[in-house]
Protein backbone atom coordinates (compact mmCIF):
# COMPACT_ATOMS: atom_id res chain seq x y z
CA MET A 1 4.24 17.95 -31.74
CA SER A 2 6.51 20.75 -33.17
CA LEU A 3 10.05 21.23 -32.04
CA LYS A 4 9.08 24.24 -29.98
CA THR A 5 6.39 22.56 -28.23
CA ASP A 6 8.24 19.74 -27.55
CA CYS A 7 10.96 21.90 -26.02
CA ARG A 8 8.57 23.63 -24.06
CA GLU A 9 7.05 20.55 -22.56
CA ALA A 10 10.53 19.41 -21.46
CA ILE A 11 11.07 22.81 -19.98
CA TYR A 12 8.09 22.15 -17.52
CA LEU A 13 9.16 18.55 -16.99
CA TYR A 14 12.36 19.56 -15.56
CA ALA A 15 11.35 23.25 -14.27
CA PRO A 16 7.76 23.25 -13.56
CA LEU A 17 5.77 26.38 -13.92
CA GLU A 18 5.00 26.80 -10.39
CA GLN A 19 8.89 26.41 -9.66
CA GLN A 20 9.65 28.87 -12.09
CA LEU A 21 7.37 31.42 -10.61
CA ASN A 22 8.66 31.07 -7.33
CA ALA A 23 12.10 31.49 -9.02
CA ALA A 24 11.05 34.81 -10.18
CA ARG A 25 9.27 35.76 -7.31
CA THR A 26 11.44 34.53 -4.17
CA GLY A 27 14.53 33.24 -5.55
CA GLU A 28 14.07 29.64 -4.96
CA ASN A 29 15.40 27.43 -6.85
CA GLU A 30 16.50 30.16 -9.20
CA GLY A 31 19.98 28.56 -10.23
CA THR A 32 18.17 25.07 -11.34
CA VAL A 33 15.54 26.97 -13.18
CA ASP A 34 18.11 28.94 -14.88
CA ARG A 35 20.26 25.86 -15.98
CA VAL A 36 17.17 23.98 -16.97
CA LEU A 37 16.29 27.15 -19.54
CA LYS A 38 19.88 27.53 -20.82
CA ILE A 39 20.28 23.88 -21.32
CA LEU A 40 17.38 23.37 -22.87
CA ARG A 41 16.84 26.52 -25.02
CA GLN A 42 20.74 25.76 -26.16
CA ARG A 43 19.62 22.42 -27.37
CA TYR A 44 16.36 23.84 -29.26
CA GLN A 45 18.53 26.15 -31.21
CA LEU A 46 21.10 23.38 -32.27
CA LEU A 47 18.32 21.19 -33.21
CA LYS A 48 16.29 24.00 -34.94
CA ALA A 49 19.65 24.94 -37.17
CA LEU A 50 19.87 21.47 -37.97
CA GLU A 51 16.45 20.79 -39.00
CA GLU A 52 16.20 17.92 -36.41
CA PRO A 53 13.22 16.60 -34.19
CA TRP A 54 13.31 17.27 -30.80
CA SER A 55 15.41 14.94 -28.80
CA ILE A 56 17.66 15.27 -25.62
CA ASP A 57 20.90 13.73 -25.91
CA GLU A 58 22.13 11.05 -22.65
CA ASP A 59 24.55 13.45 -21.09
CA THR A 60 22.15 16.11 -21.05
CA LEU A 61 19.54 14.05 -19.59
CA ALA A 62 21.44 12.84 -16.82
CA ILE A 63 22.41 16.55 -16.02
CA LEU A 64 19.07 17.54 -16.04
CA GLU A 65 17.94 14.45 -14.10
CA ASP A 66 20.63 14.95 -11.49
CA ASP A 67 19.89 18.56 -11.09
CA LYS A 68 16.06 17.94 -10.07
CA SER A 69 15.13 19.51 -6.99
CA TYR A 70 12.48 17.37 -6.13
């Protein structure tokens, strides 16, 4: 898979589409969704610049896992 596709799948894992839509519509879990998007987009930009394959380091993974609202 591509870096972009792998990043998108990670976003959907930590902020599923339904959760993203609810955040946009009602504000429910908006902070969580925003945080996931910011963290993973920054990771994407870093890996793209380094021309590295998709990965999530342990520290970032711990933050994402601790922040899950479900």
